[in-house]
Amino acid sequence: MTNPILVEVTRGEIVESVHRGAVAIVDANGHVRAALGDIDATVYPRSSLKPIQALPLVESGAADRLGLSEQHIALACASHSGEAMHTRLVAEWLDRLGLTEADLACGPHPPRHEPTWRGMLSRGENPTRIHNNCSGKHAGFLTVARHWEVATAGYETVEHPVQQAVAEALRALSDCQQLTWGVDGCAAPNFALPLERFARALARMAASDKLAPSRSDAARRIVAAMMDHPELMSGTGRVCAQLIRSCSGKAVVKTGAEGVYAGIVPPLGLGVAIKIDDGAGRAAEIAIAWVLHALRVLDDLRLLSQPVVDTRGATVGERRPATALTTLVLR
């Protein structure tokens, strides 16, 4: 199947580029409520998997045993920008565990937040593993390992009990027993599954009252933490945070690399999964905004398109939803 064009990029009056992709909107019973493109294709959720990767942290009792706050839980779901609000909390978290930055399996990279990175350069500071956008997720993994009294070394390997717990949670939520996997950019496993099954898993996070009590409570707490602390699980000015704030408690979203976006919509009990064929995040942002608008949970309609600007900051075009998206109908 050739996926439909979901997003157009214009310059002047001409459509200069297009982005194809697929959208799955599914309820907790596994019913597909709306779809575009090949939703049976297997995809890596990448960082949009993080709310599910955080389930063992909360469900096992590890978070409560260590006295973690809602902010820590939000950070466990984060692809953060490496700002002080992120790095200080990760450093404090590791200290509680009696661990250091060297115990994180993820590698260092510069902060995404430009003022933070410029400040570090001016002081001659190098980025550390704590600046990795996934350091909160990794701190969560280490917390579960400590709680279960299993080895922290090798926690990022697919055979480790922490990663097996993530896989078990994803299988149960998605009804997908055969998970393939690859290594994510942060060195942890990322489990691949059909786009529709990923949306199903997200729907069950949304309709958490239908889950077993311990998992229901964990899912509810994770979604609430993301809603209440969108900048902690993304960063200042990030689209992820803007979308969550614009949904005013009606939905949370999570971006992932290679053009993936996930949505959890508790009032409707729906999960949303989007994959852009060419991996363009700029297209995934427009697609998820339009889907949230179609579900009537997005307040700020300015997020439905974004300007294309020149080097002087003048608007010369736009990123906008294509016809396939604007005619999406919920069954």
C-alpha atoms as a PDB file:
ATOM      1  CA  MET A   1       0.000   0.000   0.000  1.00  0.00           C
ATOM      2  CA  THR A   2       1.184   3.494  -0.865  1.00  0.00           C
ATOM      3  CA  ASN A   3       0.457   5.684   2.120  1.00  0.00           C
ATOM      4  CA  PRO A   4      -1.439   8.936   1.501  1.00  0.00           C
ATOM      5  CA  ILE A   5       0.104  12.382   1.616  1.00  0.00           C
ATOM      6  CA  LEU A   6      -0.556  13.672   5.128  1.00  0.00           C
ATOM      7  CA  VAL A   7       1.376  16.950   5.149  1.00  0.00           C
ATOM      8  CA  GLU A   8       2.364  19.526   2.530  1.00  0.00           C
ATOM      9  CA  VAL A   9       5.142  22.089   2.715  1.00  0.00           C
ATOM     10  CA  THR A  10       4.607  25.187   0.616  1.00  0.00           C
ATOM     11  CA  ARG A  11       6.815  28.020  -0.571  1.00  0.00           C
ATOM     12  CA  GLY A  12       4.892  30.907  -2.043  1.00  0.00           C
ATOM     13  CA  GLU A  13       1.920  29.410  -3.874  1.00  0.00           C
ATOM     14  CA  ILE A  14       3.669  26.133  -4.723  1.00  0.00           C
ATOM     15  CA  VAL A  15       3.662  22.863  -2.789  1.00  0.00           C
ATOM     16  CA  GLU A  16       7.396  22.261  -2.557  1.00  0.00           C
ATOM     17  CA  SER A  17       7.473  19.004  -0.573  1.00  0.00           C
ATOM     18  CA  VAL A  18       5.046  16.355   0.669  1.00  0.00           C
ATOM     19  CA  HIS A  19       5.162  13.780   3.445  1.00  0.00           C
ATOM     20  CA  ARG A  20       3.314  10.463   3.281  1.00  0.00           C
ATOM     21  CA  GLY A  21       2.389   8.426   6.305  1.00  0.00           C
ATOM     22  CA  ALA A  22      -0.140   6.394   8.259  1.00  0.00           C
ATOM     23  CA  VAL A  23      -2.503   7.197  11.139  1.00  0.00           C
ATOM     24  CA  ALA A  24      -4.266   4.750  13.465  1.00  0.00           C
ATOM     25  CA  ILE A  25      -6.906   5.790  16.002  1.00  0.00           C
ATOM     26  CA  VAL A  26      -8.014   2.825  18.102  1.00  0.00           C
ATOM     27  CA  ASP A  27     -10.136   2.252  21.213  1.00  0.00           C
ATOM     28  CA  ALA A  28      -9.354   0.031  24.180  1.00  0.00           C
ATOM     29  CA  ASN A  29     -11.440  -2.829  22.747  1.00  0.00           C
ATOM     30  CA  GLY A  30      -9.167  -2.912  19.715  1.00  0.00           C
ATOM     31  CA  HIS A  31     -11.691  -1.314  17.378  1.00  0.00           C
ATOM     32  CA  VAL A  32     -10.132   0.905  14.726  1.00  0.00           C
ATOM     33  CA  ARG A  33     -12.048   4.169  14.921  1.00  0.00           C
ATOM     34  CA  ALA A  34     -10.198   5.926  12.091  1.00  0.00           C
ATOM     35  CA  ALA A  35      -7.282   5.049   9.856  1.00  0.00           C
ATOM     36  CA  LEU A  36      -5.177   6.357   7.012  1.00  0.00           C
ATOM     37  CA  GLY A  37      -2.587   4.331   5.149  1.00  0.00           C
ATOM     38  CA  ASP A  38      -1.088   0.980   6.068  1.00  0.00           C
ATOM     39  CA  ILE A  39      -1.723   0.668   9.805  1.00  0.00           C
ATOM     40  CA  ASP A  40      -0.633  -2.988   9.798  1.00  0.00           C
ATOM     41  CA  ALA A  41       2.946  -2.079   8.883  1.00  0.00           C
ATOM     42  CA  THR A  42       5.468  -2.791  11.627  1.00  0.00           C
ATOM     43  CA  VAL A  43       7.112   0.318  13.081  1.00  0.00           C
ATOM     44  CA  TYR A  44       9.504   1.245  15.854  1.00  0.00           C
ATOM     45  CA  PRO A  45       7.666   3.590  18.238  1.00  0.00           C
ATOM     46  CA  ARG A  46      11.043   5.025  19.271  1.00  0.00           C
ATOM     47  CA  SER A  47      10.662   7.557  22.107  1.00  0.00           C
ATOM     48  CA  SER A  48       6.873   7.583  21.832  1.00  0.00           C
ATOM     49  CA  LEU A  49       7.106   4.205  23.617  1.00  0.00           C
ATOM     50  CA  LYS A  50       8.366   5.877  26.816  1.00  0.00           C
ATOM     51  CA  PRO A  51       5.013   6.050  28.687  1.00  0.00           C
ATOM     52  CA  ILE A  52       4.822   2.261  28.364  1.00  0.00           C
ATOM     53  CA  GLN A  53       8.514   1.848  29.194  1.00  0.00           C
ATOM     54  CA  ALA A  54       7.751   3.709  32.439  1.00  0.00           C
ATOM     55  CA  LEU A  55       5.074   1.220  33.505  1.00  0.00           C
ATOM     56  CA  PRO A  56       7.423  -1.138  35.406  1.00  0.00           C
ATOM     57  CA  LEU A  57       8.835   1.839  37.325  1.00  0.00           C
ATOM     58  CA  VAL A  58       5.427   2.668  38.795  1.00  0.00           C
ATOM     59  CA  GLU A  59       3.665  -0.691  38.698  1.00  0.00           C
ATOM     60  CA  SER A  60       6.458  -2.543  40.533  1.00  0.00           C
ATOM     61  CA  GLY A  61       6.394  -0.130  43.462  1.00  0.00           C
ATOM     62  CA  ALA A  62       9.935   1.053  42.676  1.00  0.00           C
ATOM     63  CA  ALA A  63       8.897   4.697  42.266  1.00  0.00           C
ATOM     64  CA  ASP A  64       7.099   4.791  45.604  1.00  0.00           C
ATOM     65  CA  ARG A  65       9.871   2.945  47.421  1.00  0.00           C
ATOM     66  CA  LEU A  66      12.386   5.580  46.305  1.00  0.00           C
ATOM     67  CA  GLY A  67       9.940   8.399  47.059  1.00  0.00           C
ATOM     68  CA  LEU A  68       9.771   9.618  43.460  1.00  0.00           C
ATOM     69  CA  SER A  69       7.452  12.503  42.672  1.00  0.00           C
ATOM     70  CA  GLU A  70       5.151  13.145  39.734  1.00  0.00           C
ATOM     71  CA  GLN A  71       8.022  15.196  38.254  1.00  0.00           C
ATOM     72  CA  HIS A  72      10.324  12.163  38.297  1.00  0.00           C
ATOM     73  CA  ILE A  73       7.658  10.076  36.559  1.00  0.00           C
ATOM     74  CA  ALA A  74       7.227  12.747  33.876  1.00  0.00           C
ATOM     75  CA  LEU A  75      10.999  12.781  33.383  1.00  0.00           C
ATOM     76  CA  ALA A  76      10.985   8.991  32.963  1.00  0.00           C
ATOM     77  CA  CYS A  77       8.751   9.591  29.914  1.00  0.00           C
ATOM     78  CA  ALA A  78      10.876  12.440  28.593  1.00  0.00           C
ATOM     79  CA  SER A  79      12.829  13.185  25.456  1.00  0.00           C
ATOM     80  CA  HIS A  80      14.113  16.239  27.261  1.00  0.00           C
ATOM     81  CA  SER A  81      16.081  19.238  26.025  1.00  0.00           C
ATOM     82  CA  GLY A  82      18.921  19.025  28.557  1.00  0.00           C
ATOM     83  CA  GLU A  83      17.898  22.150  30.453  1.00  0.00           C
ATOM     84  CA  ALA A  84      18.816  22.640  34.096  1.00  0.00           C
ATOM     85  CA  MET A  85      15.325  21.566  35.191  1.00  0.00           C
ATOM     86  CA  HIS A  86      16.016  18.201  33.560  1.00  0.00           C
ATOM     87  CA  THR A  87      19.660  17.597  34.396  1.00  0.00           C
ATOM     88  CA  ARG A  88      19.402  18.647  38.042  1.00  0.00           C
ATOM     89  CA  LEU A  89      16.506  16.266  38.620  1.00  0.00           C
ATOM     90  CA  VAL A  90      18.305  13.363  36.931  1.00  0.00           C
ATOM     91  CA  ALA A  91      21.472  14.032  38.946  1.00  0.00           C
ATOM     92  CA  GLU A  92      19.459  14.149  42.187  1.00  0.00           C
ATOM     93  CA  TRP A  93      17.645  10.930  41.160  1.00  0.00           C
ATOM     94  CA  LEU A  94      20.909   9.073  40.554  1.00  0.00           C
ATOM     95  CA  ASP A  95      22.219  10.298  43.897  1.00  0.00           C
ATOM     96  CA  ARG A  96      19.177   8.809  45.645  1.00  0.00           C
ATOM     97  CA  LEU A  97      20.031   5.494  43.993  1.00  0.00           C
ATOM     98  CA  GLY A  98      23.660   5.705  45.094  1.00  0.00           C
ATOM     99  CA  LEU A  99      24.669   5.806  41.431  1.00  0.00           C
ATOM    100  CA  THR A 100      26.410   8.292  39.150  1.00  0.00           C
ATOM    101  CA  GLU A 101      26.297   9.495  35.575  1.00  0.00           C
ATOM    102  CA  ALA A 102      28.703   6.660  34.689  1.00  0.00           C
ATOM    103  CA  ASP A 103      25.960   4.123  35.499  1.00  0.00           C
ATOM    104  CA  LEU A 104      23.762   5.466  32.679  1.00  0.00           C
ATOM    105  CA  ALA A 105      24.035   3.352  29.527  1.00  0.00           C
ATOM    106  CA  CYS A 106      23.077   6.230  27.233  1.00  0.00           C
ATOM    107  CA  GLY A 107      25.822   8.331  25.654  1.00  0.00           C
ATOM    108  CA  PRO A 108      26.327  12.096  25.971  1.00  0.00           C
ATOM    109  CA  HIS A 109      25.080  14.600  23.418  1.00  0.00           C
ATOM    110  CA  PRO A 110      24.651  18.395  23.425  1.00  0.00           C
ATOM    111  CA  PRO A 111      21.481  19.843  24.974  1.00  0.00           C
ATOM    112  CA  ARG A 112      18.708  20.545  22.510  1.00  0.00           C
ATOM    113  CA  HIS A 113      17.971  23.798  24.347  1.00  0.00           C
ATOM    114  CA  GLU A 114      20.205  26.331  22.562  1.00  0.00           C
ATOM    115  CA  PRO A 115      20.643  28.818  25.452  1.00  0.00           C
ATOM    116  CA  THR A 116      21.753  25.955  27.694  1.00  0.00           C
ATOM    117  CA  TRP A 117      24.200  24.671  25.084  1.00  0.00           C
ATOM    118  CA  ARG A 118      25.600  28.152  24.369  1.00  0.00           C
ATOM    119  CA  GLY A 119      26.119  28.698  28.081  1.00  0.00           C
ATOM    120  CA  MET A 120      27.995  25.418  28.386  1.00  0.00           C
ATOM    121  CA  LEU A 121      30.214  26.280  25.424  1.00  0.00           C
ATOM    122  CA  SER A 122      31.039  29.676  26.922  1.00  0.00           C
ATOM    123  CA  ARG A 123      32.108  27.958  30.149  1.00  0.00           C
ATOM    124  CA  GLY A 124      34.077  25.256  28.359  1.00  0.00           C
ATOM    125  CA  GLU A 125      31.775  22.501  29.612  1.00  0.00           C
ATOM    126  CA  ASN A 126      31.235  19.227  27.780  1.00  0.00           C
ATOM    127  CA  PRO A 127      27.888  17.410  27.704  1.00  0.00           C
ATOM    128  CA  THR A 128      27.524  14.353  29.927  1.00  0.00           C
ATOM    129  CA  ARG A 129      25.263  11.332  29.809  1.00  0.00           C
ATOM    130  CA  ILE A 130      22.819  13.243  32.005  1.00  0.00           C
ATOM    131  CA  HIS A 131      22.299  15.643  29.083  1.00  0.00           C
ATOM    132  CA  ASN A 132      21.108  12.746  26.910  1.00  0.00           C
ATOM    133  CA  ASN A 133      17.426  13.312  26.154  1.00  0.00           C
ATOM    134  CA  CYS A 134      16.668   9.790  27.457  1.00  0.00           C
ATOM    135  CA  SER A 135      18.521  10.072  30.788  1.00  0.00           C
ATOM    136  CA  GLY A 136      15.251  10.199  32.743  1.00  0.00           C
ATOM    137  CA  LYS A 137      14.059   6.973  31.134  1.00  0.00           C
ATOM    138  CA  HIS A 138      17.383   5.340  31.987  1.00  0.00           C
ATOM    139  CA  ALA A 139      17.182   6.554  35.584  1.00  0.00           C
ATOM    140  CA  GLY A 140      13.796   4.857  35.701  1.00  0.00           C
ATOM    141  CA  PHE A 141      15.251   1.595  34.416  1.00  0.00           C
ATOM    142  CA  LEU A 142      18.000   1.753  37.055  1.00  0.00           C
ATOM    143  CA  THR A 143      15.394   2.373  39.766  1.00  0.00           C
ATOM    144  CA  VAL A 144      13.523  -0.803  38.837  1.00  0.00           C
ATOM    145  CA  ALA A 145      16.760  -2.802  38.811  1.00  0.00           C
ATOM    146  CA  ARG A 146      17.648  -1.515  42.294  1.00  0.00           C
ATOM    147  CA  HIS A 147      14.110  -2.274  43.535  1.00  0.00           C
ATOM    148  CA  TRP A 148      14.270  -5.854  42.254  1.00  0.00           C
ATOM    149  CA  GLU A 149      17.829  -6.248  43.555  1.00  0.00           C
ATOM    150  CA  VAL A 150      19.121  -7.332  40.147  1.00  0.00           C
ATOM    151  CA  ALA A 151      22.257  -6.122  38.374  1.00  0.00           C
ATOM    152  CA  THR A 152      22.286  -2.517  37.250  1.00  0.00           C
ATOM    153  CA  ALA A 153      25.129  -3.262  34.828  1.00  0.00           C
ATOM    154  CA  GLY A 154      23.613  -4.374  31.533  1.00  0.00           C
ATOM    155  CA  TYR A 155      20.146  -3.032  32.347  1.00  0.00           C
ATOM    156  CA  GLU A 156      19.944  -1.810  28.729  1.00  0.00           C
ATOM    157  CA  THR A 157      20.262  -5.307  27.238  1.00  0.00           C
ATOM    158  CA  VAL A 158      17.120  -6.968  25.946  1.00  0.00           C
ATOM    159  CA  GLU A 159      17.648 -10.015  28.198  1.00  0.00           C
ATOM    160  CA  HIS A 160      17.678  -7.919  31.396  1.00  0.00           C
ATOM    161  CA  PRO A 161      14.610  -8.324  33.662  1.00  0.00           C
ATOM    162  CA  VAL A 162      13.772  -4.618  33.360  1.00  0.00           C
ATOM    163  CA  GLN A 163      13.598  -4.765  29.555  1.00  0.00           C
ATOM    164  CA  GLN A 164      11.669  -8.026  29.680  1.00  0.00           C
ATOM    165  CA  ALA A 165       9.133  -6.309  31.945  1.00  0.00           C
ATOM    166  CA  VAL A 166       8.759  -3.527  29.370  1.00  0.00           C
ATOM    167  CA  ALA A 167       8.217  -6.133  26.645  1.00  0.00           C
ATOM    168  CA  GLU A 168       5.630  -7.945  28.772  1.00  0.00           C
ATOM    169  CA  ALA A 169       3.696  -4.732  29.374  1.00  0.00           C
ATOM    170  CA  LEU A 170       3.709  -3.875  25.676  1.00  0.00           C
ATOM    171  CA  ARG A 171       2.575  -7.376  24.695  1.00  0.00           C
ATOM    172  CA  ALA A 172      -0.301  -7.260  27.157  1.00  0.00           C
ATOM    173  CA  LEU A 173      -1.465  -3.794  26.160  1.00  0.00           C
ATOM    174  CA  SER A 174      -1.129  -4.310  22.413  1.00  0.00           C
ATOM    175  CA  ASP A 175      -2.257  -7.953  22.084  1.00  0.00           C
ATOM    176  CA  CYS A 176       0.891  -8.407  20.002  1.00  0.00           C
ATOM    177  CA  GLN A 177       2.819 -11.424  21.255  1.00  0.00           C
ATOM    178  CA  GLN A 178       5.548 -11.427  18.600  1.00  0.00           C
ATOM    179  CA  LEU A 179       7.682  -8.354  19.176  1.00  0.00           C
ATOM    180  CA  THR A 180      10.788  -7.723  17.156  1.00  0.00           C
ATOM    181  CA  TRP A 181      13.331  -5.276  18.498  1.00  0.00           C
ATOM    182  CA  GLY A 182      16.245  -3.067  17.611  1.00  0.00           C
ATOM    183  CA  VAL A 183      18.636  -0.856  19.558  1.00  0.00           C
ATOM    184  CA  ASP A 184      17.398   2.703  20.045  1.00  0.00           C
ATOM    185  CA  GLY A 185      19.644   5.756  19.849  1.00  0.00           C
ATOM    186  CA  CYS A 186      20.083   5.709  23.633  1.00  0.00           C
ATOM    187  CA  ALA A 187      21.331   2.067  23.596  1.00  0.00           C
ATOM    188  CA  ALA A 188      18.128   0.591  25.104  1.00  0.00           C
ATOM    189  CA  PRO A 189      15.924  -1.878  23.192  1.00  0.00           C
ATOM    190  CA  ASN A 190      13.025  -0.502  21.186  1.00  0.00           C
ATOM    191  CA  PHE A 191      10.272  -2.990  20.420  1.00  0.00           C
ATOM    192  CA  ALA A 192       8.599  -2.923  17.004  1.00  0.00           C
ATOM    193  CA  LEU A 193       4.956  -3.753  16.343  1.00  0.00           C
ATOM    194  CA  PRO A 194       2.175  -2.882  13.873  1.00  0.00           C
ATOM    195  CA  LEU A 195       1.056   0.745  14.060  1.00  0.00           C
ATOM    196  CA  GLU A 196      -2.516  -0.325  14.867  1.00  0.00           C
ATOM    197  CA  ARG A 197      -1.332  -2.464  17.785  1.00  0.00           C
ATOM    198  CA  PHE A 198       0.704   0.410  19.163  1.00  0.00           C
ATOM    199  CA  ALA A 199      -2.401   2.630  19.018  1.00  0.00           C
ATOM    200  CA  ARG A 200      -4.305  -0.136  20.827  1.00  0.00           C
ATOM    201  CA  ALA A 201      -1.710  -0.152  23.611  1.00  0.00           C
ATOM    202  CA  LEU A 202      -2.002   3.621  23.938  1.00  0.00           C
ATOM    203  CA  ALA A 203      -5.807   3.349  24.082  1.00  0.00           C
ATOM    204  CA  ARG A 204      -5.497   1.005  27.040  1.00  0.00           C
ATOM    205  CA  MET A 205      -3.300   3.575  28.758  1.00  0.00           C
ATOM    206  CA  ALA A 206      -6.115   6.061  28.072  1.00  0.00           C
ATOM    207  CA  ALA A 207      -8.886   3.746  29.342  1.00  0.00           C
ATOM    208  CA  SER A 208      -6.834   2.594  32.306  1.00  0.00           C
ATOM    209  CA  ASP A 209      -9.899   1.719  34.411  1.00  0.00           C
ATOM    210  CA  LYS A 210     -10.232  -1.427  32.271  1.00  0.00           C
ATOM    211  CA  LEU A 211      -6.800  -2.714  33.320  1.00  0.00           C
ATOM    212  CA  ALA A 212      -5.870  -4.779  36.363  1.00  0.00           C
ATOM    213  CA  PRO A 213      -5.680  -2.554  39.477  1.00  0.00           C
ATOM    214  CA  SER A 214      -1.886  -2.214  39.753  1.00  0.00           C
ATOM    215  CA  ARG A 215      -1.436  -1.509  36.043  1.00  0.00           C
ATOM    216  CA  SER A 216      -4.487   0.766  35.996  1.00  0.00           C
ATOM    217  CA  ASP A 217      -3.038   2.905  38.788  1.00  0.00           C
ATOM    218  CA  ALA A 218       0.384   3.015  37.124  1.00  0.00           C
ATOM    219  CA  ALA A 219      -1.063   4.055  33.750  1.00  0.00           C
ATOM    220  CA  ARG A 220      -3.215   6.745  35.354  1.00  0.00           C
ATOM    221  CA  ARG A 221      -0.262   8.176  37.275  1.00  0.00           C
ATOM    222  CA  ILE A 222       1.992   8.223  34.220  1.00  0.00           C
ATOM    223  CA  VAL A 223      -0.582  10.000  32.055  1.00  0.00           C
ATOM    224  CA  ALA A 224      -1.312  12.497  34.843  1.00  0.00           C
ATOM    225  CA  ALA A 225       2.392  13.250  35.286  1.00  0.00           C
ATOM    226  CA  MET A 226       2.781  13.932  31.569  1.00  0.00           C
ATOM    227  CA  MET A 227      -0.272  16.205  31.590  1.00  0.00           C
ATOM    228  CA  ASP A 228       0.896  18.160  34.618  1.00  0.00           C
ATOM    229  CA  HIS A 229       4.563  18.552  33.608  1.00  0.00           C
ATOM    230  CA  PRO A 230       4.798  18.809  29.798  1.00  0.00           C
ATOM    231  CA  GLU A 231       8.018  20.841  29.811  1.00  0.00           C
ATOM    232  CA  LEU A 232       9.753  18.261  32.004  1.00  0.00           C
ATOM    233  CA  MET A 233       8.952  15.514  29.508  1.00  0.00           C
ATOM    234  CA  SER A 234      10.028  17.665  26.561  1.00  0.00           C
ATOM    235  CA  GLY A 235      11.424  21.168  27.012  1.00  0.00           C
ATOM    236  CA  THR A 236      10.886  24.912  26.811  1.00  0.00           C
ATOM    237  CA  GLY A 237       9.009  25.853  23.643  1.00  0.00           C
ATOM    238  CA  ARG A 238       8.823  22.299  22.336  1.00  0.00           C
ATOM    239  CA  VAL A 239       5.815  21.300  20.215  1.00  0.00           C
ATOM    240  CA  CYS A 240       5.122  18.304  22.467  1.00  0.00           C
ATOM    241  CA  ALA A 241       4.628  20.606  25.451  1.00  0.00           C
ATOM    242  CA  GLN A 242       2.597  23.127  23.458  1.00  0.00           C
ATOM    243  CA  LEU A 243       0.219  20.409  22.258  1.00  0.00           C
ATOM    244  CA  ILE A 244      -0.286  18.962  25.745  1.00  0.00           C
ATOM    245  CA  ARG A 245      -0.970  22.390  27.238  1.00  0.00           C
ATOM    246  CA  SER A 246      -3.386  23.191  24.410  1.00  0.00           C
ATOM    247  CA  CYS A 247      -5.345  20.001  25.157  1.00  0.00           C
ATOM    248  CA  SER A 248      -6.082  21.311  28.671  1.00  0.00           C
ATOM    249  CA  GLY A 249      -6.048  17.929  30.397  1.00  0.00           C
ATOM    250  CA  LYS A 250      -7.893  16.071  27.637  1.00  0.00           C
ATOM    251  CA  ALA A 251      -4.890  14.387  25.987  1.00  0.00           C
ATOM    252  CA  VAL A 252      -1.154  13.833  26.166  1.00  0.00           C
ATOM    253  CA  VAL A 253       1.204  13.268  23.250  1.00  0.00           C
ATOM    254  CA  LYS A 254       4.722  11.923  22.926  1.00  0.00           C
ATOM    255  CA  THR A 255       7.070  12.394  20.015  1.00  0.00           C
ATOM    256  CA  GLY A 256       9.482   9.783  18.725  1.00  0.00           C
ATOM    257  CA  ALA A 257      12.368   9.828  16.282  1.00  0.00           C
ATOM    258  CA  GLU A 258      11.820   9.078  12.596  1.00  0.00           C
ATOM    259  CA  GLY A 259       8.454  10.781  12.308  1.00  0.00           C
ATOM    260  CA  VAL A 260       6.491   8.997  15.039  1.00  0.00           C
ATOM    261  CA  TYR A 261       3.900  10.557  17.329  1.00  0.00           C
ATOM    262  CA  ALA A 262       1.719   8.931  19.977  1.00  0.00           C
ATOM    263  CA  GLY A 263      -1.439  10.290  21.560  1.00  0.00           C
ATOM    264  CA  ILE A 264      -3.357   9.186  24.671  1.00  0.00           C
ATOM    265  CA  VAL A 265      -6.882  10.635  24.964  1.00  0.00           C
ATOM    266  CA  PRO A 266      -8.477   9.569  28.288  1.00  0.00           C
ATOM    267  CA  PRO A 267     -11.908  11.283  27.914  1.00  0.00           C
ATOM    268  CA  LEU A 268     -12.488   9.345  24.686  1.00  0.00           C
ATOM    269  CA  GLY A 269     -10.580   6.196  25.638  1.00  0.00           C
ATOM    270  CA  LEU A 270      -8.578   6.434  22.424  1.00  0.00           C
ATOM    271  CA  GLY A 271      -4.983   5.878  21.391  1.00  0.00           C
ATOM    272  CA  VAL A 272      -3.387   7.575  18.395  1.00  0.00           C
ATOM    273  CA  ALA A 273      -0.283   6.388  16.559  1.00  0.00           C
ATOM    274  CA  ILE A 274       1.284   8.216  13.607  1.00  0.00           C
ATOM    275  CA  LYS A 275       4.260   7.274  11.434  1.00  0.00           C
ATOM    276  CA  ILE A 276       5.618   9.497   8.670  1.00  0.00           C
ATOM    277  CA  ASP A 277       7.229   7.423   5.906  1.00  0.00           C
ATOM    278  CA  ASP A 278      10.325   9.571   5.428  1.00  0.00           C
ATOM    279  CA  GLY A 279      10.908  10.057   9.170  1.00  0.00           C
ATOM    280  CA  ALA A 280      10.222  13.815   9.143  1.00  0.00           C
ATOM    281  CA  GLY A 281       9.368  15.141  12.579  1.00  0.00           C
ATOM    282  CA  ARG A 282       8.185  18.402  10.998  1.00  0.00           C
ATOM    283  CA  ALA A 283       5.367  16.441   9.338  1.00  0.00           C
ATOM    284  CA  ALA A 284       4.497  14.335  12.388  1.00  0.00           C
ATOM    285  CA  GLU A 285       3.940  17.524  14.414  1.00  0.00           C
ATOM    286  CA  ILE A 286       1.340  18.784  11.946  1.00  0.00           C
ATOM    287  CA  ALA A 287      -0.321  15.369  11.666  1.00  0.00           C
ATOM    288  CA  ILE A 288      -0.768  14.878  15.419  1.00  0.00           C
ATOM    289  CA  ALA A 289      -2.069  18.428  15.839  1.00  0.00           C
ATOM    290  CA  TRP A 290      -4.715  17.861  13.163  1.00  0.00           C
ATOM    291  CA  VAL A 291      -5.769  14.518  14.667  1.00  0.00           C
ATOM    292  CA  LEU A 292      -6.184  16.149  18.083  1.00  0.00           C
ATOM    293  CA  HIS A 293      -8.252  18.866  16.399  1.00  0.00           C
ATOM    294  CA  ALA A 294     -10.383  16.231  14.658  1.00  0.00           C
ATOM    295  CA  LEU A 295     -10.989  14.613  18.050  1.00  0.00           C
ATOM    296  CA  ARG A 296     -12.035  18.043  19.411  1.00  0.00           C
ATOM    297  CA  VAL A 297      -9.479  18.106  22.199  1.00  0.00           C
ATOM    298  CA  LEU A 298      -7.067  20.764  20.834  1.00  0.00           C
ATOM    299  CA  ASP A 299      -7.758  24.354  21.879  1.00  0.00           C
ATOM    300  CA  ASP A 300      -5.000  26.283  20.066  1.00  0.00           C
ATOM    301  CA  LEU A 301      -5.728  26.095  16.340  1.00  0.00           C
ATOM    302  CA  ARG A 302      -2.489  27.936  15.544  1.00  0.00           C
ATOM    303  CA  LEU A 303      -0.755  24.579  15.981  1.00  0.00           C
ATOM    304  CA  LEU A 304      -2.523  23.119  12.933  1.00  0.00           C
ATOM    305  CA  SER A 305       0.017  24.698  10.574  1.00  0.00           C
ATOM    306  CA  GLN A 306       3.476  26.155  11.037  1.00  0.00           C
ATOM    307  CA  PRO A 307       5.235  28.899   9.045  1.00  0.00           C
ATOM    308  CA  VAL A 308       8.202  28.320   6.779  1.00  0.00           C
ATOM    309  CA  VAL A 309      10.563  31.252   7.311  1.00  0.00           C
ATOM    310  CA  ASP A 310      13.617  32.643   5.558  1.00  0.00           C
ATOM    311  CA  THR A 311      16.878  33.672   7.229  1.00  0.00           C
ATOM    312  CA  ARG A 312      15.386  37.074   8.143  1.00  0.00           C
ATOM    313  CA  GLY A 313      12.442  35.460   9.913  1.00  0.00           C
ATOM    314  CA  ALA A 314       9.907  36.407   7.229  1.00  0.00           C
ATOM    315  CA  THR A 315       7.160  33.885   6.487  1.00  0.00           C
ATOM    316  CA  VAL A 316       7.566  32.450   2.974  1.00  0.00           C
ATOM    317  CA  GLY A 317       5.379  29.347   3.164  1.00  0.00           C
ATOM    318  CA  GLU A 318       3.792  26.889   5.562  1.00  0.00           C
ATOM    319  CA  ARG A 319       3.622  23.305   6.772  1.00  0.00           C
ATOM    320  CA  ARG A 320      -0.020  22.276   6.603  1.00  0.00           C
ATOM    321  CA  PRO A 321      -2.265  19.194   6.686  1.00  0.00           C
ATOM    322  CA  ALA A 322      -3.060  17.670   3.282  1.00  0.00           C
ATOM    323  CA  THR A 323      -6.541  16.645   2.129  1.00  0.00           C
ATOM    324  CA  ALA A 324      -6.266  13.093   3.510  1.00  0.00           C
ATOM    325  CA  LEU A 325      -5.834  14.440   7.017  1.00  0.00           C
ATOM    326  CA  THR A 326      -8.474  17.167   6.807  1.00  0.00           C
ATOM    327  CA  THR A 327     -11.093  14.613   5.670  1.00  0.00           C
ATOM    328  CA  LEU A 328     -10.284  12.058   8.407  1.00  0.00           C
ATOM    329  CA  VAL A 329     -13.541  10.821   9.956  1.00  0.00           C
ATOM    330  CA  LEU A 330     -13.977   8.983  13.238  1.00  0.00           C
ATOM    331  CA  ARG A 331     -16.116   5.852  12.972  1.00  0.00           C
END
